[in-house]
PDB file of N, CA and C in Angstrom:
ATOM      1  N   MET A   1      -2.495 -29.222 -14.619  1.00  0.00           N
ATOM      2  CA  MET A   1      -2.685 -29.545 -13.174  1.00  0.00           C
ATOM      3  C   MET A   1      -2.869 -28.343 -12.359  1.00  0.00           C
ATOM      4  N   ILE A   2      -4.057 -28.773 -11.649  1.00  0.00           N
ATOM      5  CA  ILE A   2      -4.661 -28.067 -10.934  1.00  0.00           C
ATOM      6  C   ILE A   2      -4.761 -28.519  -9.272  1.00  0.00           C
ATOM      7  N   GLU A   3      -4.039 -27.586  -8.330  1.00  0.00           N
ATOM      8  CA  GLU A   3      -4.340 -28.142  -6.846  1.00  0.00           C
ATOM      9  C   GLU A   3      -5.809 -27.799  -6.475  1.00  0.00           C
ATOM     10  N   ARG A   4      -6.357 -28.632  -5.876  1.00  0.00           N
ATOM     11  CA  ARG A   4      -7.683 -28.468  -5.164  1.00  0.00           C
ATOM     12  C   ARG A   4      -7.959 -29.164  -3.602  1.00  0.00           C
ATOM     13  N   SER A   5      -8.682 -28.359  -2.934  1.00  0.00           N
ATOM     14  CA  SER A   5      -9.198 -28.668  -1.602  1.00  0.00           C
ATOM     15  C   SER A   5     -10.381 -29.129  -1.517  1.00  0.00           C
ATOM     16  N   TYR A   6     -10.220 -29.997  -0.550  1.00  0.00           N
ATOM     17  CA  TYR A   6     -11.708 -30.920  -0.512  1.00  0.00           C
ATOM     18  C   TYR A   6     -11.947 -30.994   0.883  1.00  0.00           C
ATOM     19  N   GLN A   7     -13.312 -30.833   1.623  1.00  0.00           N
ATOM     20  CA  GLN A   7     -13.845 -30.701   2.719  1.00  0.00           C
ATOM     21  C   GLN A   7     -14.092 -32.214   2.970  1.00  0.00           C
ATOM     22  N   LYS A   8     -13.854 -32.648   4.609  1.00  0.00           N
ATOM     23  CA  LYS A   8     -14.564 -34.087   4.666  1.00  0.00           C
ATOM     24  C   LYS A   8     -16.060 -34.205   4.144  1.00  0.00           C
ATOM     25  N   GLY A   9     -16.081 -35.329   3.406  1.00  0.00           N
ATOM     26  CA  GLY A   9     -17.531 -35.633   3.287  1.00  0.00           C
ATOM     27  C   GLY A   9     -17.495 -35.392   2.025  1.00  0.00           C
ATOM     28  N   GLU A  10     -16.928 -34.205   1.005  1.00  0.00           N
ATOM     29  CA  GLU A  10     -16.953 -33.734   0.065  1.00  0.00           C
ATOM     30  C   GLU A  10     -16.801 -34.909  -1.188  1.00  0.00           C
ATOM     31  N   LEU A  11     -17.302 -34.685  -2.290  1.00  0.00           N
ATOM     32  CA  LEU A  11     -17.697 -35.885  -3.622  1.00  0.00           C
ATOM     33  C   LEU A  11     -16.587 -35.280  -4.387  1.00  0.00           C
ATOM     34  N   LEU A  12     -15.323 -36.033  -5.198  1.00  0.00           N
ATOM     35  CA  LEU A  12     -14.642 -35.796  -6.123  1.00  0.00           C
ATOM     36  C   LEU A  12     -15.277 -35.889  -7.471  1.00  0.00           C
ATOM     37  N   PHE A  13     -15.878 -37.334  -7.537  1.00  0.00           N
ATOM     38  CA  PHE A  13     -16.341 -37.334  -8.411  1.00  0.00           C
ATOM     39  C   PHE A  13     -17.484 -38.623  -8.403  1.00  0.00           C
ATOM     40  N   ALA A  14     -18.452 -38.881  -8.972  1.00  0.00           N
ATOM     41  CA  ALA A  14     -19.473 -39.717  -8.895  1.00  0.00           C
ATOM     42  C   ALA A  14     -19.325 -41.015  -9.734  1.00  0.00           C
ATOM     43  N   GLN A  15     -19.755 -42.118  -9.382  1.00  0.00           N
ATOM     44  CA  GLN A  15     -19.844 -43.064 -10.140  1.00  0.00           C
ATOM     45  C   GLN A  15     -20.677 -42.507 -11.617  1.00  0.00           C
ATOM     46  N   GLY A  16     -20.218 -42.743 -12.901  1.00  0.00           N
ATOM     47  CA  GLY A  16     -21.152 -42.703 -13.666  1.00  0.00           C
ATOM     48  C   GLY A  16     -20.387 -41.419 -14.525  1.00  0.00           C
ATOM     49  N   ASP A  17     -19.518 -40.423 -13.951  1.00  0.00           N
ATOM     50  CA  ASP A  17     -19.437 -39.478 -14.673  1.00  0.00           C
ATOM     51  C   ASP A  17     -18.195 -39.525 -15.534  1.00  0.00           C
ATOM     52  N   ASP A  18     -17.941 -38.560 -16.151  1.00  0.00           N
ATOM     53  CA  ASP A  18     -17.118 -38.952 -17.343  1.00  0.00           C
ATOM     54  C   ASP A  18     -15.466 -38.756 -16.815  1.00  0.00           C
ATOM     55  N   ALA A  19     -14.657 -39.759 -16.893  1.00  0.00           N
ATOM     56  CA  ALA A  19     -13.454 -39.643 -16.587  1.00  0.00           C
ATOM     57  C   ALA A  19     -12.316 -38.826 -17.173  1.00  0.00           C
ATOM     58  N   ASP A  20     -12.459 -37.819 -16.874  1.00  0.00           N
ATOM     59  CA  ASP A  20     -11.309 -36.832 -17.539  1.00  0.00           C
ATOM     60  C   ASP A  20     -10.103 -36.274 -16.858  1.00  0.00           C
ATOM     61  N   ALA A  21     -10.111 -37.263 -16.086  1.00  0.00           N
ATOM     62  CA  ALA A  21      -8.540 -36.541 -15.076  1.00  0.00           C
ATOM     63  C   ALA A  21      -8.246 -37.565 -14.109  1.00  0.00           C
ATOM     64  N   PHE A  22      -7.219 -37.615 -13.786  1.00  0.00           N
ATOM     65  CA  PHE A  22      -6.359 -38.257 -12.527  1.00  0.00           C
ATOM     66  C   PHE A  22      -5.936 -37.436 -11.642  1.00  0.00           C
ATOM     67  N   TYR A  23      -5.810 -38.099 -10.468  1.00  0.00           N
ATOM     68  CA  TYR A  23      -5.284 -37.470  -8.930  1.00  0.00           C
ATOM     69  C   TYR A  23      -4.364 -37.896  -8.242  1.00  0.00           C
ATOM     70  N   LEU A  24      -3.457 -36.943  -7.540  1.00  0.00           N
ATOM     71  CA  LEU A  24      -2.570 -37.358  -6.614  1.00  0.00           C
ATOM     72  C   LEU A  24      -2.949 -36.801  -5.456  1.00  0.00           C
ATOM     73  N   VAL A  25      -2.926 -37.723  -4.304  1.00  0.00           N
ATOM     74  CA  VAL A  25      -3.136 -37.231  -2.901  1.00  0.00           C
ATOM     75  C   VAL A  25      -1.813 -36.284  -2.364  1.00  0.00           C
ATOM     76  N   LYS A  26      -2.108 -35.175  -1.953  1.00  0.00           N
ATOM     77  CA  LYS A  26      -0.988 -34.376  -1.104  1.00  0.00           C
ATOM     78  C   LYS A  26      -1.242 -34.922   0.343  1.00  0.00           C
ATOM     79  N   THR A  27      -2.664 -34.442   0.994  1.00  0.00           N
ATOM     80  CA  THR A  27      -2.589 -34.570   2.214  1.00  0.00           C
ATOM     81  C   THR A  27      -4.181 -35.057   2.380  1.00  0.00           C
ATOM     82  N   GLY A  28      -4.348 -36.002   3.462  1.00  0.00           N
ATOM     83  CA  GLY A  28      -5.796 -36.040   3.718  1.00  0.00           C
ATOM     84  C   GLY A  28      -5.579 -37.589   3.550  1.00  0.00           C
ATOM     85  N   ARG A  29      -7.002 -37.880   3.420  1.00  0.00           N
ATOM     86  CA  ARG A  29      -7.971 -39.339   2.441  1.00  0.00           C
ATOM     87  C   ARG A  29      -8.165 -39.431   1.878  1.00  0.00           C
ATOM     88  N   ILE A  30      -8.561 -40.331   0.707  1.00  0.00           N
ATOM     89  CA  ILE A  30      -9.962 -40.621  -0.157  1.00  0.00           C
ATOM     90  C   ILE A  30     -10.343 -41.830  -0.256  1.00  0.00           C
ATOM     91  N   GLU A  31     -11.608 -41.920   0.074  1.00  0.00           N
ATOM     92  CA  GLU A  31     -11.952 -43.114  -0.185  1.00  0.00           C
ATOM     93  C   GLU A  31     -12.832 -43.510  -1.629  1.00  0.00           C
ATOM     94  N   LEU A  32     -12.671 -44.642  -2.178  1.00  0.00           N
ATOM     95  CA  LEU A  32     -13.329 -45.036  -3.559  1.00  0.00           C
ATOM     96  C   LEU A  32     -14.485 -45.901  -2.983  1.00  0.00           C
ATOM     97  N   PHE A  33     -15.206 -45.622  -3.272  1.00  0.00           N
ATOM     98  CA  PHE A  33     -16.491 -46.502  -3.200  1.00  0.00           C
ATOM     99  C   PHE A  33     -17.687 -46.959  -3.771  1.00  0.00           C
ATOM    100  N   ASP A  34     -18.042 -47.673  -3.885  1.00  0.00           N
ATOM    101  CA  ASP A  34     -19.250 -48.458  -4.794  1.00  0.00           C
ATOM    102  C   ASP A  34     -20.894 -47.514  -4.118  1.00  0.00           C
ATOM    103  N   PRO A  35     -21.246 -46.609  -4.645  1.00  0.00           N
ATOM    104  CA  PRO A  35     -22.521 -46.013  -3.932  1.00  0.00           C
ATOM    105  C   PRO A  35     -23.756 -47.124  -4.469  1.00  0.00           C
ATOM    106  N   GLN A  36     -23.687 -48.094  -5.070  1.00  0.00           N
ATOM    107  CA  GLN A  36     -24.877 -48.724  -5.199  1.00  0.00           C
ATOM    108  C   GLN A  36     -25.042 -49.902  -4.040  1.00  0.00           C
ATOM    109  N   ARG A  37     -23.842 -50.275  -3.435  1.00  0.00           N
ATOM    110  CA  ARG A  37     -23.582 -51.187  -2.459  1.00  0.00           C
ATOM    111  C   ARG A  37     -23.006 -50.551  -1.447  1.00  0.00           C
ATOM    112  N   ASP A  38     -23.044 -49.072  -1.542  1.00  0.00           N
ATOM    113  CA  ASP A  38     -22.482 -48.626  -0.163  1.00  0.00           C
ATOM    114  C   ASP A  38     -21.170 -49.111   0.413  1.00  0.00           C
ATOM    115  N   THR A  39     -20.196 -49.404  -0.596  1.00  0.00           N
ATOM    116  CA  THR A  39     -19.014 -50.570   0.124  1.00  0.00           C
ATOM    117  C   THR A  39     -17.917 -49.611  -0.271  1.00  0.00           C
ATOM    118  N   ALA A  40     -16.991 -49.764   0.642  1.00  0.00           N
ATOM    119  CA  ALA A  40     -15.681 -49.299   0.308  1.00  0.00           C
ATOM    120  C   ALA A  40     -14.886 -50.220  -0.246  1.00  0.00           C
ATOM    121  N   VAL A  41     -14.038 -49.396  -1.417  1.00  0.00           N
ATOM    122  CA  VAL A  41     -13.257 -50.467  -2.431  1.00  0.00           C
ATOM    123  C   VAL A  41     -11.972 -50.240  -1.953  1.00  0.00           C
ATOM    124  N   ALA A  42     -11.433 -48.810  -1.576  1.00  0.00           N
ATOM    125  CA  ALA A  42     -10.084 -48.319  -1.512  1.00  0.00           C
ATOM    126  C   ALA A  42      -9.761 -47.329  -0.936  1.00  0.00           C
ATOM    127  N   VAL A  43      -8.942 -46.771   0.401  1.00  0.00           N
ATOM    128  CA  VAL A  43      -8.773 -45.901   0.999  1.00  0.00           C
ATOM    129  C   VAL A  43      -7.212 -45.548   0.207  1.00  0.00           C
ATOM    130  N   ILE A  44      -7.215 -44.158  -0.380  1.00  0.00           N
ATOM    131  CA  ILE A  44      -6.066 -43.438  -1.073  1.00  0.00           C
ATOM    132  C   ILE A  44      -5.445 -42.591   0.117  1.00  0.00           C
ATOM    133  N   GLU A  45      -3.856 -42.934   0.077  1.00  0.00           N
ATOM    134  CA  GLU A  45      -3.554 -42.023   1.179  1.00  0.00           C
ATOM    135  C   GLU A  45      -2.516 -41.059   0.597  1.00  0.00           C
ATOM    136  N   PRO A  46      -2.164 -39.998   1.524  1.00  0.00           N
ATOM    137  CA  PRO A  46      -1.122 -39.107   0.760  1.00  0.00           C
ATOM    138  C   PRO A  46       0.035 -39.957  -0.245  1.00  0.00           C
ATOM    139  N   GLY A  47       0.320 -38.922  -1.299  1.00  0.00           N
ATOM    140  CA  GLY A  47       1.415 -39.550  -2.173  1.00  0.00           C
ATOM    141  C   GLY A  47       1.031 -40.388  -3.400  1.00  0.00           C
ATOM    142  N   CYS A  48      -0.130 -41.288  -3.115  1.00  0.00           N
ATOM    143  CA  CYS A  48      -0.643 -42.204  -4.242  1.00  0.00           C
ATOM    144  C   CYS A  48      -1.668 -41.357  -4.855  1.00  0.00           C
ATOM    145  N   THR A  49      -1.767 -42.115  -6.053  1.00  0.00           N
ATOM    146  CA  THR A  49      -2.809 -41.821  -7.202  1.00  0.00           C
ATOM    147  C   THR A  49      -3.886 -42.523  -7.321  1.00  0.00           C
ATOM    148  N   PHE A  50      -4.740 -42.263  -8.104  1.00  0.00           N
ATOM    149  CA  PHE A  50      -6.181 -42.747  -8.138  1.00  0.00           C
ATOM    150  C   PHE A  50      -6.790 -41.950  -9.494  1.00  0.00           C
ATOM    151  N   GLY A  51      -7.586 -42.650 -10.145  1.00  0.00           N
ATOM    152  CA  GLY A  51      -8.709 -42.517 -11.191  1.00  0.00           C
ATOM    153  C   GLY A  51      -7.609 -42.109 -12.645  1.00  0.00           C
ATOM    154  N   GLU A  52      -6.645 -43.146 -12.540  1.00  0.00           N
ATOM    155  CA  GLU A  52      -5.772 -43.144 -14.055  1.00  0.00           C
ATOM    156  C   GLU A  52      -6.530 -43.893 -15.058  1.00  0.00           C
ATOM    157  N   GLN A  53      -7.459 -44.308 -14.977  1.00  0.00           N
ATOM    158  CA  GLN A  53      -8.079 -44.601 -16.128  1.00  0.00           C
ATOM    159  C   GLN A  53      -8.371 -43.898 -17.404  1.00  0.00           C
ATOM    160  N   ALA A  54      -8.562 -42.484 -16.749  1.00  0.00           N
ATOM    161  CA  ALA A  54      -8.540 -41.556 -17.616  1.00  0.00           C
ATOM    162  C   ALA A  54      -7.300 -41.221 -18.474  1.00  0.00           C
ATOM    163  N   VAL A  55      -6.359 -41.541 -17.955  1.00  0.00           N
ATOM    164  CA  VAL A  55      -5.188 -41.207 -19.100  1.00  0.00           C
ATOM    165  C   VAL A  55      -5.419 -42.319 -20.121  1.00  0.00           C
ATOM    166  N   PHE A  56      -6.065 -43.513 -20.205  1.00  0.00           N
ATOM    167  CA  PHE A  56      -6.048 -44.337 -21.144  1.00  0.00           C
ATOM    168  C   PHE A  56      -7.389 -44.212 -21.905  1.00  0.00           C
ATOM    169  N   SER A  57      -8.522 -43.883 -21.233  1.00  0.00           N
ATOM    170  CA  SER A  57      -9.701 -43.931 -21.960  1.00  0.00           C
ATOM    171  C   SER A  57     -10.855 -42.916 -21.239  1.00  0.00           C
ATOM    172  N   TYR A  58     -11.629 -42.589 -21.949  1.00  0.00           N
ATOM    173  CA  TYR A  58     -12.279 -41.401 -21.964  1.00  0.00           C
ATOM    174  C   TYR A  58     -13.806 -42.039 -21.409  1.00  0.00           C
ATOM    175  N   GLY A  59     -13.672 -43.277 -20.522  1.00  0.00           N
ATOM    176  CA  GLY A  59     -15.060 -43.965 -20.224  1.00  0.00           C
ATOM    177  C   GLY A  59     -15.589 -43.003 -19.134  1.00  0.00           C
ATOM    178  N   ALA A  60     -16.854 -43.977 -18.540  1.00  0.00           N
ATOM    179  CA  ALA A  60     -17.509 -43.687 -17.045  1.00  0.00           C
ATOM    180  C   ALA A  60     -16.566 -43.709 -16.063  1.00  0.00           C
ATOM    181  N   ARG A  61     -16.798 -43.339 -14.867  1.00  0.00           N
ATOM    182  CA  ARG A  61     -16.113 -43.796 -13.407  1.00  0.00           C
ATOM    183  C   ARG A  61     -16.984 -44.918 -13.286  1.00  0.00           C
ATOM    184  N   ASN A  62     -15.813 -45.967 -12.911  1.00  0.00           N
ATOM    185  CA  ASN A  62     -17.263 -46.876 -12.276  1.00  0.00           C
ATOM    186  C   ASN A  62     -17.375 -47.052 -10.742  1.00  0.00           C
ATOM    187  N   LEU A  63     -16.458 -46.181 -10.200  1.00  0.00           N
ATOM    188  CA  LEU A  63     -16.486 -45.860  -8.750  1.00  0.00           C
ATOM    189  C   LEU A  63     -16.647 -44.419  -8.310  1.00  0.00           C
ATOM    190  N   SER A  64     -17.139 -44.237  -7.422  1.00  0.00           N
ATOM    191  CA  SER A  64     -17.063 -43.070  -6.787  1.00  0.00           C
ATOM    192  C   SER A  64     -16.071 -42.595  -5.665  1.00  0.00           C
ATOM    193  N   ALA A  65     -15.604 -41.287  -5.448  1.00  0.00           N
ATOM    194  CA  ALA A  65     -14.362 -40.818  -4.431  1.00  0.00           C
ATOM    195  C   ALA A  65     -15.244 -39.324  -3.497  1.00  0.00           C
ATOM    196  N   ARG A  66     -14.672 -39.960  -2.322  1.00  0.00           N
ATOM    197  CA  ARG A  66     -15.296 -38.861  -1.441  1.00  0.00           C
ATOM    198  C   ARG A  66     -14.059 -38.802  -0.466  1.00  0.00           C
ATOM    199  N   ALA A  67     -13.862 -37.712   0.053  1.00  0.00           N
ATOM    200  CA  ALA A  67     -12.518 -37.201   0.966  1.00  0.00           C
ATOM    201  C   ALA A  67     -13.237 -37.764   2.458  1.00  0.00           C
ATOM    202  N   LEU A  68     -11.952 -38.276   3.188  1.00  0.00           N
ATOM    203  CA  LEU A  68     -12.402 -39.080   4.201  1.00  0.00           C
ATOM    204  C   LEU A  68     -12.252 -37.927   5.366  1.00  0.00           C
ATOM    205  N   GLU A  69     -11.344 -37.004   5.243  1.00  0.00           N
ATOM    206  CA  GLU A  69     -10.591 -35.834   6.086  1.00  0.00           C
ATOM    207  C   GLU A  69     -10.673 -34.474   5.387  1.00  0.00           C
ATOM    208  N   ASP A  70     -10.096 -33.454   5.592  1.00  0.00           N
ATOM    209  CA  ASP A  70     -10.136 -32.715   4.874  1.00  0.00           C
ATOM    210  C   ASP A  70      -8.833 -32.626   4.231  1.00  0.00           C
ATOM    211  N   THR A  71      -8.692 -32.921   2.714  1.00  0.00           N
ATOM    212  CA  THR A  71      -7.662 -33.263   1.700  1.00  0.00           C
ATOM    213  C   THR A  71      -7.296 -32.526   0.632  1.00  0.00           C
ATOM    214  N   VAL A  72      -6.021 -32.447   0.158  1.00  0.00           N
ATOM    215  CA  VAL A  72      -5.664 -31.313  -0.886  1.00  0.00           C
ATOM    216  C   VAL A  72      -5.211 -32.534  -1.691  1.00  0.00           C
ATOM    217  N   CYS A  73      -5.742 -32.029  -3.372  1.00  0.00           N
ATOM    218  CA  CYS A  73      -5.113 -33.485  -4.314  1.00  0.00           C
ATOM    219  C   CYS A  73      -4.824 -32.536  -5.414  1.00  0.00           C
ATOM    220  N   MET A  74      -3.784 -32.981  -6.168  1.00  0.00           N
ATOM    221  CA  MET A  74      -3.426 -32.488  -7.430  1.00  0.00           C
ATOM    222  C   MET A  74      -4.353 -33.063  -8.727  1.00  0.00           C
ATOM    223  N   HIS A  75      -5.005 -31.960  -9.777  1.00  0.00           N
ATOM    224  CA  HIS A  75      -6.078 -32.554 -10.229  1.00  0.00           C
ATOM    225  C   HIS A  75      -5.106 -32.751 -11.674  1.00  0.00           C
ATOM    226  N   TYR A  76      -4.881 -33.645 -12.340  1.00  0.00           N
ATOM    227  CA  TYR A  76      -4.247 -33.844 -13.482  1.00  0.00           C
ATOM    228  C   TYR A  76      -5.171 -33.988 -14.968  1.00  0.00           C
ATOM    229  N   LEU A  77      -5.658 -33.230 -16.024  1.00  0.00           N
ATOM    230  CA  LEU A  77      -6.232 -33.575 -16.825  1.00  0.00           C
ATOM    231  C   LEU A  77      -5.852 -34.423 -17.888  1.00  0.00           C
ATOM    232  N   ALA A  78      -7.066 -35.140 -18.319  1.00  0.00           N
ATOM    233  CA  ALA A  78      -6.282 -36.205 -19.254  1.00  0.00           C
ATOM    234  C   ALA A  78      -6.112 -35.512 -20.529  1.00  0.00           C
TER     235      ALA A  78
END
């Protein structure tokens, strides 16, 4: 488990990246989005997790994730 800080607009992962970890938002907000359609799919708030598919499979990310504001996440390797 690693604590990481992200600045507003910073990409956590991109669509197509290896899904090798999942995240818990401590502070701030994360947007999951489809970069091909430039469409927001979800906004992840503090206390919520995302990217759990990494626990079950080592496939590719089907969405991208970026910080909507300065954000701190716990990064759990699968």
